[in-house]
Amino acid sequence: MIERRVLFICAVFLALQVAIPLSYYLRDDRYDERFAWRMFSSVRLERCRTDVHERLDMDARFPERRVALNETLHRAWINTIERNRRPVIEAFLKHRCERPEVAAVTLTNTCVAAPGASPTHQKYARNCRE
């Protein structure tokens, strides 16, 4: 009786060890690799550069200003943003919108998968006046 329980617990444990990482491949956010098999990851090979711009007024005549991330965030948070982690990016954009003078924020990650490959652009924007 005890042996069957042990076998059942082992089987459930092994099934979870396979099912949880497989769920990554069914989601729409390929950059959230917390529960994926990273040894098969092409996302980890990407190198991204992040640019953040703020618009102080929604009028197009006013130029955007660039946000210096190194002066704004800790390097660990910048690394997470460069990996396109959507919840962190959304929280950062929301935080920038809390400044009363900011009307809109745009964050663009330009990523290259391999040297010589064409870059991909991930753009995130938030209108602070809505």
N, C-alpha and C. Protein backbone atom coordinates (compact mmCIF):
# COMPACT_ATOMS: atom_id res chain seq x y z
N MET A 1 0.82 -1.20 0.00
CA MET A 1 0.00 0.00 0.00
C MET A 1 0.87 1.26 0.00
N ILE A 2 1.87 1.27 0.86
CA ILE A 2 2.75 2.43 0.91
C ILE A 2 3.55 2.55 -0.38
N GLU A 3 3.93 1.43 -0.96
CA GLU A 3 4.71 1.45 -2.20
C GLU A 3 3.91 2.07 -3.34
N ARG A 4 2.60 1.81 -3.39
CA ARG A 4 1.76 2.40 -4.42
C ARG A 4 1.66 3.90 -4.26
N ARG A 5 1.56 4.36 -3.01
CA ARG A 5 1.52 5.80 -2.76
C ARG A 5 2.82 6.47 -3.18
N VAL A 6 3.91 5.84 -2.88
CA VAL A 6 5.22 6.38 -3.26
C VAL A 6 5.33 6.44 -4.78
N LEU A 7 4.92 5.38 -5.44
CA LEU A 7 4.95 5.36 -6.90
C LEU A 7 4.04 6.43 -7.50
N PHE A 8 2.85 6.60 -6.91
CA PHE A 8 1.92 7.61 -7.38
C PHE A 8 2.52 9.01 -7.20
N ILE A 9 3.09 9.28 -6.04
CA ILE A 9 3.71 10.60 -5.78
C ILE A 9 4.86 10.85 -6.75
N CYS A 10 5.67 9.84 -7.00
CA CYS A 10 6.78 9.98 -7.94
C CYS A 10 6.27 10.25 -9.36
N ALA A 11 5.21 9.55 -9.75
CA ALA A 11 4.65 9.75 -11.08
C ALA A 11 4.08 11.16 -11.24
N VAL A 12 3.38 11.66 -10.21
CA VAL A 12 2.84 13.02 -10.26
C VAL A 12 3.97 14.03 -10.31
N PHE A 13 5.00 13.82 -9.52
CA PHE A 13 6.15 14.72 -9.50
C PHE A 13 6.82 14.77 -10.88
N LEU A 14 7.04 13.63 -11.48
CA LEU A 14 7.67 13.59 -12.80
C LEU A 14 6.78 14.23 -13.87
N ALA A 15 5.49 14.00 -13.78
CA ALA A 15 4.56 14.61 -14.74
C ALA A 15 4.62 16.14 -14.64
N LEU A 16 4.69 16.67 -13.42
CA LEU A 16 4.80 18.12 -13.24
C LEU A 16 6.12 18.65 -13.78
N GLN A 17 7.18 17.88 -13.62
CA GLN A 17 8.49 18.31 -14.12
C GLN A 17 8.51 18.44 -15.64
N VAL A 18 7.65 17.73 -16.32
CA VAL A 18 7.54 17.82 -17.77
C VAL A 18 6.48 18.85 -18.16
N ALA A 19 5.35 18.84 -17.47
CA ALA A 19 4.21 19.69 -17.86
C ALA A 19 4.49 21.18 -17.64
N ILE A 20 5.13 21.54 -16.55
CA ILE A 20 5.36 22.96 -16.27
C ILE A 20 6.25 23.59 -17.34
N PRO A 21 7.40 23.04 -17.68
CA PRO A 21 8.19 23.65 -18.75
C PRO A 21 7.49 23.62 -20.11
N LEU A 22 6.70 22.59 -20.38
CA LEU A 22 5.97 22.54 -21.65
C LEU A 22 4.96 23.67 -21.77
N SER A 23 4.44 24.16 -20.66
CA SER A 23 3.46 25.24 -20.70
C SER A 23 4.05 26.52 -21.30
N TYR A 24 5.36 26.70 -21.21
CA TYR A 24 6.02 27.86 -21.81
C TYR A 24 5.76 27.91 -23.31
N TYR A 25 5.79 26.77 -23.96
CA TYR A 25 5.64 26.72 -25.41
C TYR A 25 4.20 26.93 -25.86
N LEU A 26 3.26 26.96 -24.94
CA LEU A 26 1.86 27.21 -25.26
C LEU A 26 1.45 28.64 -24.99
N ARG A 27 2.32 29.42 -24.34
CA ARG A 27 2.00 30.81 -24.01
C ARG A 27 2.39 31.74 -25.15
N ASP A 28 1.88 32.97 -25.12
CA ASP A 28 2.17 33.93 -26.18
C ASP A 28 3.40 34.80 -25.88
N ASP A 29 3.90 34.80 -24.67
CA ASP A 29 5.04 35.64 -24.30
C ASP A 29 6.32 34.80 -24.32
N ARG A 30 7.02 34.82 -25.42
CA ARG A 30 8.22 33.99 -25.55
C ARG A 30 9.38 34.48 -24.70
N TYR A 31 9.30 35.70 -24.18
CA TYR A 31 10.38 36.24 -23.39
C TYR A 31 10.29 35.88 -21.90
N ASP A 32 9.17 35.34 -21.48
CA ASP A 32 9.01 34.94 -20.07
C ASP A 32 9.41 33.48 -19.95
N GLU A 33 10.69 33.25 -19.67
CA GLU A 33 11.24 31.90 -19.64
C GLU A 33 11.40 31.34 -18.24
N ARG A 34 10.66 31.84 -17.29
CA ARG A 34 10.85 31.40 -15.92
C ARG A 34 10.67 29.90 -15.74
N PHE A 35 9.77 29.28 -16.47
CA PHE A 35 9.50 27.86 -16.30
C PHE A 35 9.77 27.07 -17.58
N ALA A 36 10.73 27.53 -18.38
CA ALA A 36 11.06 26.86 -19.64
C ALA A 36 12.36 26.07 -19.51
N TRP A 37 12.56 25.21 -20.47
CA TRP A 37 13.85 24.52 -20.56
C TRP A 37 14.81 25.45 -21.26
N ARG A 38 15.61 26.17 -20.53
CA ARG A 38 16.46 27.20 -21.11
C ARG A 38 17.59 26.65 -21.96
N MET A 39 17.90 25.38 -21.82
CA MET A 39 18.97 24.82 -22.65
C MET A 39 18.57 24.81 -24.12
N PHE A 40 17.28 24.91 -24.42
CA PHE A 40 16.80 24.95 -25.80
C PHE A 40 16.46 26.38 -26.23
N SER A 41 16.82 27.36 -25.43
CA SER A 41 16.38 28.73 -25.64
C SER A 41 17.21 29.47 -26.69
N SER A 42 16.51 30.09 -27.62
CA SER A 42 17.18 31.02 -28.53
C SER A 42 17.04 32.44 -28.01
N VAL A 43 16.12 32.66 -27.09
CA VAL A 43 15.92 33.98 -26.51
C VAL A 43 17.13 34.41 -25.70
N ARG A 44 17.76 33.49 -25.02
CA ARG A 44 18.93 33.81 -24.20
C ARG A 44 20.11 34.29 -25.05
N LEU A 45 20.13 33.94 -26.32
CA LEU A 45 21.21 34.36 -27.19
C LEU A 45 21.03 35.78 -27.71
N GLU A 46 19.82 36.31 -27.61
CA GLU A 46 19.55 37.66 -28.10
C GLU A 46 20.24 38.69 -27.22
N ARG A 47 20.75 39.70 -27.85
CA ARG A 47 21.33 40.85 -27.16
C ARG A 47 20.48 42.06 -27.53
N CYS A 48 19.97 42.74 -26.51
CA CYS A 48 19.05 43.85 -26.76
C CYS A 48 19.61 45.16 -26.23
N ARG A 49 19.21 46.22 -26.90
CA ARG A 49 19.53 47.58 -26.47
C ARG A 49 18.21 48.30 -26.25
N THR A 50 18.09 48.95 -25.11
CA THR A 50 16.83 49.59 -24.73
C THR A 50 16.94 51.10 -24.86
N ASP A 51 15.92 51.69 -25.48
CA ASP A 51 15.80 53.15 -25.57
C ASP A 51 14.44 53.53 -25.00
N VAL A 52 14.45 54.54 -24.13
CA VAL A 52 13.20 55.03 -23.54
C VAL A 52 13.10 56.52 -23.84
N HIS A 53 11.92 56.91 -24.33
CA HIS A 53 11.67 58.32 -24.62
C HIS A 53 10.37 58.74 -23.95
N GLU A 54 10.35 59.96 -23.47
CA GLU A 54 9.15 60.54 -22.86
C GLU A 54 8.73 61.75 -23.66
N ARG A 55 7.43 61.91 -23.78
CA ARG A 55 6.88 63.12 -24.39
C ARG A 55 6.23 63.91 -23.26
N LEU A 56 6.60 65.19 -23.19
CA LEU A 56 6.08 66.03 -22.11
C LEU A 56 4.70 66.60 -22.44
N ASP A 57 4.35 66.62 -23.70
CA ASP A 57 3.04 67.10 -24.12
C ASP A 57 2.62 66.25 -25.31
N MET A 58 1.36 66.00 -25.46
CA MET A 58 0.89 65.16 -26.57
C MET A 58 0.98 65.89 -27.90
N ASP A 59 1.21 67.20 -27.88
CA ASP A 59 1.37 67.98 -29.09
C ASP A 59 2.68 67.56 -29.78
N ALA A 60 2.62 67.22 -31.04
CA ALA A 60 3.79 66.72 -31.77
C ALA A 60 4.88 67.77 -31.92
N ARG A 61 4.56 69.04 -31.68
CA ARG A 61 5.59 70.08 -31.80
C ARG A 61 6.62 69.98 -30.69
N PHE A 62 6.24 69.37 -29.58
CA PHE A 62 7.18 69.24 -28.47
C PHE A 62 8.02 67.99 -28.68
N PRO A 63 9.32 68.12 -28.60
CA PRO A 63 10.17 66.94 -28.83
C PRO A 63 10.12 65.96 -27.66
N GLU A 64 10.50 64.74 -27.98
CA GLU A 64 10.64 63.73 -26.93
C GLU A 64 11.99 63.92 -26.26
N ARG A 65 12.05 63.50 -25.01
CA ARG A 65 13.35 63.49 -24.35
C ARG A 65 13.72 62.05 -24.03
N ARG A 66 14.99 61.78 -24.12
CA ARG A 66 15.50 60.44 -23.86
C ARG A 66 15.70 60.26 -22.36
N VAL A 67 15.32 59.11 -21.84
CA VAL A 67 15.50 58.78 -20.42
C VAL A 67 16.80 58.01 -20.29
N ALA A 68 17.68 58.48 -19.42
CA ALA A 68 18.95 57.79 -19.16
C ALA A 68 18.68 56.67 -18.16
N LEU A 69 18.57 55.44 -18.65
CA LEU A 69 18.22 54.32 -17.77
C LEU A 69 19.25 54.09 -16.69
N ASN A 70 20.53 54.27 -16.99
CA ASN A 70 21.58 54.04 -15.99
C ASN A 70 21.46 54.98 -14.81
N GLU A 71 20.85 56.13 -15.02
CA GLU A 71 20.65 57.09 -13.93
C GLU A 71 19.30 56.90 -13.25
N THR A 72 18.43 56.11 -13.87
CA THR A 72 17.07 55.95 -13.38
C THR A 72 16.84 54.64 -12.65
N LEU A 73 17.48 53.57 -13.14
CA LEU A 73 17.23 52.23 -12.61
C LEU A 73 18.52 51.53 -12.23
N HIS A 74 18.38 50.57 -11.35
CA HIS A 74 19.49 49.68 -11.01
C HIS A 74 19.77 48.77 -12.20
N ARG A 75 21.02 48.38 -12.37
CA ARG A 75 21.43 47.56 -13.51
C ARG A 75 20.63 46.25 -13.60
N ALA A 76 20.27 45.66 -12.48
CA ALA A 76 19.49 44.41 -12.50
C ALA A 76 18.13 44.62 -13.17
N TRP A 77 17.50 45.76 -12.91
CA TRP A 77 16.20 46.05 -13.53
C TRP A 77 16.37 46.34 -15.02
N ILE A 78 17.45 47.00 -15.38
CA ILE A 78 17.72 47.26 -16.80
C ILE A 78 17.90 45.93 -17.54
N ASN A 79 18.63 45.01 -16.94
CA ASN A 79 18.82 43.69 -17.56
C ASN A 79 17.48 42.99 -17.78
N THR A 80 16.60 43.10 -16.82
CA THR A 80 15.28 42.47 -16.94
C THR A 80 14.46 43.13 -18.04
N ILE A 81 14.53 44.43 -18.14
CA ILE A 81 13.83 45.16 -19.21
C ILE A 81 14.41 44.77 -20.57
N GLU A 82 15.73 44.65 -20.64
CA GLU A 82 16.36 44.26 -21.91
C GLU A 82 15.97 42.85 -22.35
N ARG A 83 15.51 42.04 -21.43
CA ARG A 83 15.03 40.69 -21.77
C ARG A 83 13.55 40.67 -22.13
N ASN A 84 12.97 41.86 -22.29
CA ASN A 84 11.57 42.00 -22.71
C ASN A 84 10.58 41.38 -21.74
N ARG A 85 10.85 41.46 -20.47
CA ARG A 85 9.91 40.93 -19.48
C ARG A 85 8.76 41.92 -19.33
N ARG A 86 7.63 41.56 -19.93
CA ARG A 86 6.49 42.45 -20.04
C ARG A 86 5.99 43.03 -18.71
N PRO A 87 5.83 42.25 -17.64
CA PRO A 87 5.34 42.85 -16.39
C PRO A 87 6.28 43.92 -15.84
N VAL A 88 7.58 43.72 -15.98
CA VAL A 88 8.54 44.70 -15.49
C VAL A 88 8.49 45.96 -16.35
N ILE A 89 8.38 45.79 -17.66
CA ILE A 89 8.29 46.94 -18.56
C ILE A 89 7.03 47.73 -18.30
N GLU A 90 5.92 47.05 -18.13
CA GLU A 90 4.66 47.76 -17.85
C GLU A 90 4.72 48.51 -16.53
N ALA A 91 5.34 47.92 -15.52
CA ALA A 91 5.49 48.61 -14.23
C ALA A 91 6.40 49.83 -14.37
N PHE A 92 7.45 49.70 -15.16
CA PHE A 92 8.36 50.83 -15.38
C PHE A 92 7.64 51.97 -16.10
N LEU A 93 6.88 51.64 -17.16
CA LEU A 93 6.13 52.67 -17.88
C LEU A 93 5.11 53.35 -16.97
N LYS A 94 4.44 52.57 -16.15
CA LYS A 94 3.47 53.13 -15.21
C LYS A 94 4.17 54.06 -14.22
N HIS A 95 5.33 53.66 -13.75
CA HIS A 95 6.11 54.48 -12.82
C HIS A 95 6.51 55.81 -13.47
N ARG A 96 6.94 55.76 -14.73
CA ARG A 96 7.32 57.00 -15.42
C ARG A 96 6.11 57.90 -15.62
N CYS A 97 4.93 57.32 -15.80
CA CYS A 97 3.72 58.12 -15.98
C CYS A 97 3.24 58.79 -14.70
N GLU A 98 3.77 58.37 -13.57
CA GLU A 98 3.39 59.00 -12.31
C GLU A 98 3.99 60.40 -12.18
N ARG A 99 4.96 60.72 -13.01
CA ARG A 99 5.53 62.06 -13.03
C ARG A 99 4.53 63.00 -13.70
N PRO A 100 4.16 64.10 -13.06
CA PRO A 100 3.08 64.95 -13.61
C PRO A 100 3.39 65.59 -14.96
N GLU A 101 4.65 65.79 -15.28
CA GLU A 101 4.98 66.46 -16.54
C GLU A 101 5.01 65.51 -17.74
N VAL A 102 4.94 64.21 -17.50
CA VAL A 102 5.06 63.23 -18.59
C VAL A 102 3.69 62.91 -19.17
N ALA A 103 3.58 63.03 -20.51
CA ALA A 103 2.32 62.75 -21.19
C ALA A 103 2.31 61.36 -21.82
N ALA A 104 3.46 60.88 -22.23
CA ALA A 104 3.55 59.55 -22.86
C ALA A 104 4.96 59.02 -22.72
N VAL A 105 5.07 57.69 -22.67
CA VAL A 105 6.37 57.03 -22.55
C VAL A 105 6.42 55.93 -23.60
N THR A 106 7.58 55.82 -24.26
CA THR A 106 7.80 54.77 -25.24
C THR A 106 9.10 54.07 -24.92
N LEU A 107 9.07 52.75 -24.87
CA LEU A 107 10.25 51.94 -24.64
C LEU A 107 10.43 51.02 -25.84
N THR A 108 11.62 51.03 -26.42
CA THR A 108 11.91 50.19 -27.57
C THR A 108 13.13 49.33 -27.28
N ASN A 109 12.97 48.03 -27.43
CA ASN A 109 14.09 47.10 -27.33
C ASN A 109 14.47 46.67 -28.74
N THR A 110 15.70 46.92 -29.11
CA THR A 110 16.23 46.48 -30.39
C THR A 110 17.12 45.28 -30.11
N CYS A 111 16.73 44.12 -30.63
CA CYS A 111 17.42 42.88 -30.29
C CYS A 111 18.02 42.24 -31.54
N VAL A 112 19.20 41.65 -31.34
CA VAL A 112 19.88 40.92 -32.41
C VAL A 112 20.13 39.51 -31.89
N ALA A 113 19.66 38.52 -32.65
CA ALA A 113 19.78 37.13 -32.21
C ALA A 113 21.19 36.59 -32.40
N ALA A 114 21.88 37.03 -33.45
CA ALA A 114 23.24 36.57 -33.72
C ALA A 114 23.97 37.67 -34.47
N PRO A 115 25.28 37.70 -34.38
CA PRO A 115 26.03 38.72 -35.13
C PRO A 115 25.70 38.65 -36.62
N GLY A 116 25.38 39.80 -37.19
CA GLY A 116 25.04 39.85 -38.61
C GLY A 116 23.58 39.65 -38.91
N ALA A 117 22.80 39.21 -37.94
CA ALA A 117 21.36 38.99 -38.16
C ALA A 117 20.63 40.33 -38.15
N SER A 118 19.48 40.36 -38.80
CA SER A 118 18.71 41.60 -38.81
C SER A 118 18.05 41.78 -37.45
N PRO A 119 18.03 43.02 -36.95
CA PRO A 119 17.47 43.27 -35.62
C PRO A 119 15.95 43.20 -35.62
N THR A 120 15.41 42.84 -34.46
CA THR A 120 13.97 42.89 -34.24
C THR A 120 13.70 44.00 -33.23
N HIS A 121 12.53 44.58 -33.33
CA HIS A 121 12.17 45.69 -32.45
C HIS A 121 10.92 45.33 -31.66
N GLN A 122 11.01 45.44 -30.36
CA GLN A 122 9.86 45.29 -29.48
C GLN A 122 9.55 46.67 -28.94
N LYS A 123 8.36 47.17 -29.23
CA LYS A 123 8.00 48.52 -28.81
C LYS A 123 6.85 48.47 -27.81
N TYR A 124 7.03 49.18 -26.71
CA TYR A 124 6.01 49.26 -25.67
C TYR A 124 5.73 50.74 -25.44
N ALA A 125 4.46 51.12 -25.35
CA ALA A 125 4.11 52.52 -25.19
C ALA A 125 2.99 52.65 -24.18
N ARG A 126 2.97 53.80 -23.53
CA ARG A 126 1.90 54.10 -22.57
C ARG A 126 1.55 55.57 -22.68
N ASN A 127 0.27 55.84 -22.84
CA ASN A 127 -0.23 57.20 -22.84
C ASN A 127 -0.58 57.54 -21.39
N CYS A 128 0.08 58.50 -20.83
CA CYS A 128 -0.11 58.82 -19.41
C CYS A 128 -1.35 59.66 -19.14
N ARG A 129 -1.95 60.19 -20.18
CA ARG A 129 -3.11 61.07 -20.00
C ARG A 129 -4.43 60.31 -20.03
N GLU A 130 -4.37 59.00 -20.25
CA GLU A 130 -5.61 58.22 -20.30
C GLU A 130 -5.97 57.70 -18.94
